[in-house]
Amino acid sequence: MPTQQKETAQPGLAQVQFLTIAEVAKVMRVSKMTVYRLVHSGDLPAVRVGKSFRVTEKAVQDYLENAYYDAG
């Protein structure tokens, strides 16, 4: 009788959209160095793929929502 393997991937992981550092910088309208600083400080969660980083769209949205500053 063959054994069934459990899937270790999280549900919906296939729908996660990853962005490069350059794409995040473009969306946020900041420099790539600013994005690297956010990643290295832990303020913006990222996944390391080889020598590169990838950031989920949700992480960018969450960061921007939490960083909102009401000047008025």
N, C-alpha and C. Protein backbone atom coordinates (compact mmCIF):
# COMPACT_ATOMS: atom_id res chain seq x y z
N MET A 1 0.83 -1.18 0.00
CA MET A 1 0.00 0.00 0.00
C MET A 1 0.88 1.25 0.00
N PRO A 2 0.75 2.12 -0.99
CA PRO A 2 1.61 3.31 -1.05
C PRO A 2 1.23 4.31 0.05
N THR A 3 2.24 4.97 0.58
CA THR A 3 1.99 5.99 1.60
C THR A 3 1.75 7.32 0.92
N GLN A 4 0.86 8.09 1.50
CA GLN A 4 0.57 9.42 0.95
C GLN A 4 1.47 10.44 1.64
N GLN A 5 2.00 11.35 0.84
CA GLN A 5 2.83 12.41 1.39
C GLN A 5 1.98 13.63 1.64
N LYS A 6 2.20 14.23 2.80
CA LYS A 6 1.50 15.48 3.09
C LYS A 6 2.20 16.62 2.36
N GLU A 7 1.40 17.54 1.87
CA GLU A 7 1.99 18.71 1.24
C GLU A 7 2.47 19.65 2.33
N THR A 8 3.71 20.12 2.21
CA THR A 8 4.26 21.00 3.21
C THR A 8 4.04 22.47 2.86
N ALA A 9 3.65 22.73 1.65
CA ALA A 9 3.43 24.12 1.23
C ALA A 9 2.18 24.67 1.91
N GLN A 10 2.22 25.94 2.21
CA GLN A 10 1.08 26.59 2.83
C GLN A 10 -0.02 26.76 1.80
N PRO A 11 -1.28 26.70 2.24
CA PRO A 11 -2.37 26.91 1.29
C PRO A 11 -2.28 28.30 0.66
N GLY A 12 -2.45 28.35 -0.63
CA GLY A 12 -2.45 29.64 -1.32
C GLY A 12 -1.07 30.17 -1.64
N LEU A 13 -0.02 29.42 -1.31
CA LEU A 13 1.33 29.91 -1.56
C LEU A 13 1.60 30.11 -3.04
N ALA A 14 0.92 29.37 -3.89
CA ALA A 14 1.11 29.51 -5.33
C ALA A 14 0.63 30.87 -5.83
N GLN A 15 -0.28 31.50 -5.08
CA GLN A 15 -0.82 32.80 -5.49
C GLN A 15 0.00 33.98 -4.97
N VAL A 16 1.03 33.72 -4.16
CA VAL A 16 1.85 34.79 -3.61
C VAL A 16 2.68 35.41 -4.73
N GLN A 17 2.63 36.74 -4.81
CA GLN A 17 3.39 37.46 -5.84
C GLN A 17 4.65 38.05 -5.20
N PHE A 18 5.80 37.64 -5.68
CA PHE A 18 7.07 38.14 -5.16
C PHE A 18 7.59 39.26 -6.06
N LEU A 19 8.17 40.27 -5.43
CA LEU A 19 8.75 41.41 -6.14
C LEU A 19 10.25 41.47 -5.90
N THR A 20 10.98 41.95 -6.88
CA THR A 20 12.41 42.19 -6.70
C THR A 20 12.59 43.48 -5.91
N ILE A 21 13.80 43.70 -5.46
CA ILE A 21 14.12 44.94 -4.74
C ILE A 21 13.85 46.15 -5.63
N ALA A 22 14.22 46.04 -6.90
CA ALA A 22 14.00 47.15 -7.84
C ALA A 22 12.51 47.43 -8.02
N GLU A 23 11.69 46.37 -8.08
CA GLU A 23 10.25 46.55 -8.23
C GLU A 23 9.64 47.18 -6.99
N VAL A 24 10.11 46.76 -5.81
CA VAL A 24 9.63 47.37 -4.56
C VAL A 24 9.99 48.84 -4.52
N ALA A 25 11.22 49.16 -4.90
CA ALA A 25 11.67 50.55 -4.91
C ALA A 25 10.80 51.39 -5.85
N LYS A 26 10.45 50.84 -6.99
CA LYS A 26 9.62 51.57 -7.94
C LYS A 26 8.22 51.81 -7.37
N VAL A 27 7.63 50.77 -6.76
CA VAL A 27 6.29 50.90 -6.17
C VAL A 27 6.29 51.94 -5.05
N MET A 28 7.33 51.90 -4.22
CA MET A 28 7.40 52.81 -3.07
C MET A 28 7.98 54.18 -3.43
N ARG A 29 8.50 54.28 -4.64
CA ARG A 29 9.13 55.51 -5.11
C ARG A 29 10.28 55.95 -4.21
N VAL A 30 11.15 54.96 -3.92
CA VAL A 30 12.37 55.21 -3.14
C VAL A 30 13.52 54.52 -3.88
N SER A 31 14.73 54.70 -3.37
CA SER A 31 15.88 54.06 -4.00
C SER A 31 15.97 52.59 -3.59
N LYS A 32 16.72 51.82 -4.37
CA LYS A 32 16.93 50.41 -4.04
C LYS A 32 17.66 50.30 -2.69
N MET A 33 18.57 51.23 -2.42
CA MET A 33 19.31 51.20 -1.16
C MET A 33 18.37 51.36 0.03
N THR A 34 17.33 52.19 -0.11
CA THR A 34 16.35 52.35 0.96
C THR A 34 15.63 51.03 1.22
N VAL A 35 15.28 50.32 0.16
CA VAL A 35 14.61 49.02 0.30
C VAL A 35 15.55 48.02 0.96
N TYR A 36 16.82 48.00 0.55
CA TYR A 36 17.78 47.10 1.19
C TYR A 36 17.90 47.40 2.68
N ARG A 37 17.92 48.67 3.04
CA ARG A 37 17.99 49.04 4.46
C ARG A 37 16.78 48.53 5.23
N LEU A 38 15.58 48.67 4.63
CA LEU A 38 14.36 48.18 5.27
C LEU A 38 14.41 46.66 5.45
N VAL A 39 14.92 45.96 4.45
CA VAL A 39 15.02 44.50 4.53
C VAL A 39 16.03 44.10 5.61
N HIS A 40 17.20 44.70 5.59
CA HIS A 40 18.26 44.33 6.54
C HIS A 40 17.90 44.71 7.98
N SER A 41 17.11 45.76 8.15
CA SER A 41 16.70 46.15 9.51
C SER A 41 15.56 45.29 10.03
N GLY A 42 14.93 44.52 9.13
CA GLY A 42 13.80 43.69 9.53
C GLY A 42 12.46 44.38 9.44
N ASP A 43 12.44 45.63 9.00
CA ASP A 43 11.19 46.38 8.87
C ASP A 43 10.35 45.88 7.70
N LEU A 44 11.00 45.32 6.69
CA LEU A 44 10.32 44.80 5.51
C LEU A 44 10.75 43.35 5.33
N PRO A 45 9.85 42.40 5.63
CA PRO A 45 10.23 40.98 5.51
C PRO A 45 10.53 40.60 4.07
N ALA A 46 11.55 39.77 3.91
CA ALA A 46 11.96 39.34 2.58
C ALA A 46 12.44 37.90 2.62
N VAL A 47 12.46 37.27 1.46
CA VAL A 47 12.97 35.92 1.30
C VAL A 47 14.24 36.01 0.49
N ARG A 48 15.26 35.30 0.93
CA ARG A 48 16.51 35.30 0.18
C ARG A 48 16.48 34.17 -0.83
N VAL A 49 16.72 34.50 -2.09
CA VAL A 49 16.78 33.52 -3.16
C VAL A 49 18.17 33.64 -3.78
N GLY A 50 19.03 32.71 -3.44
CA GLY A 50 20.42 32.82 -3.88
C GLY A 50 21.05 34.05 -3.25
N LYS A 51 21.53 34.96 -4.07
CA LYS A 51 22.12 36.20 -3.57
C LYS A 51 21.13 37.36 -3.60
N SER A 52 19.93 37.09 -4.06
CA SER A 52 18.92 38.15 -4.21
C SER A 52 17.85 38.04 -3.13
N PHE A 53 17.11 39.11 -2.98
CA PHE A 53 15.97 39.13 -2.07
C PHE A 53 14.69 39.26 -2.88
N ARG A 54 13.62 38.69 -2.35
CA ARG A 54 12.29 38.86 -2.91
C ARG A 54 11.36 39.25 -1.78
N VAL A 55 10.46 40.17 -2.08
CA VAL A 55 9.52 40.68 -1.09
C VAL A 55 8.12 40.43 -1.61
N THR A 56 7.22 39.96 -0.76
CA THR A 56 5.85 39.73 -1.20
C THR A 56 5.11 41.06 -1.34
N GLU A 57 4.15 41.08 -2.26
CA GLU A 57 3.33 42.29 -2.42
C GLU A 57 2.63 42.62 -1.11
N LYS A 58 2.18 41.59 -0.39
CA LYS A 58 1.48 41.80 0.88
C LYS A 58 2.40 42.47 1.90
N ALA A 59 3.66 42.08 1.94
CA ALA A 59 4.61 42.69 2.87
C ALA A 59 4.78 44.18 2.57
N VAL A 60 4.82 44.52 1.29
CA VAL A 60 4.93 45.93 0.90
C VAL A 60 3.67 46.70 1.31
N GLN A 61 2.50 46.11 1.03
CA GLN A 61 1.23 46.75 1.40
C GLN A 61 1.14 46.93 2.92
N ASP A 62 1.51 45.89 3.68
CA ASP A 62 1.46 45.97 5.14
C ASP A 62 2.41 47.04 5.66
N TYR A 63 3.61 47.10 5.09
CA TYR A 63 4.58 48.11 5.53
C TYR A 63 4.04 49.52 5.29
N LEU A 64 3.51 49.74 4.09
CA LEU A 64 3.00 51.07 3.76
C LEU A 64 1.80 51.45 4.63
N GLU A 65 0.92 50.49 4.92
CA GLU A 65 -0.23 50.77 5.79
C GLU A 65 0.21 51.12 7.20
N ASN A 66 1.21 50.42 7.72
CA ASN A 66 1.70 50.67 9.08
C ASN A 66 2.58 51.91 9.16
N ALA A 67 3.16 52.32 8.05
CA ALA A 67 4.05 53.48 8.04
C ALA A 67 3.32 54.78 7.74
N TYR A 68 2.01 54.68 7.52
CA TYR A 68 1.23 55.87 7.18
C TYR A 68 1.34 56.90 8.29
N TYR A 69 1.62 58.14 7.92
CA TYR A 69 1.81 59.23 8.88
C TYR A 69 0.81 60.33 8.56
N ASP A 70 -0.02 60.65 9.52
CA ASP A 70 -1.02 61.70 9.34
C ASP A 70 -0.43 63.04 9.78
N ALA A 71 -0.08 63.87 8.81
CA ALA A 71 0.55 65.15 9.11
C ALA A 71 -0.46 66.23 9.49
N GLY A 72 -1.74 65.94 9.31
CA GLY A 72 -2.76 66.94 9.54
C GLY A 72 -3.25 66.94 10.93
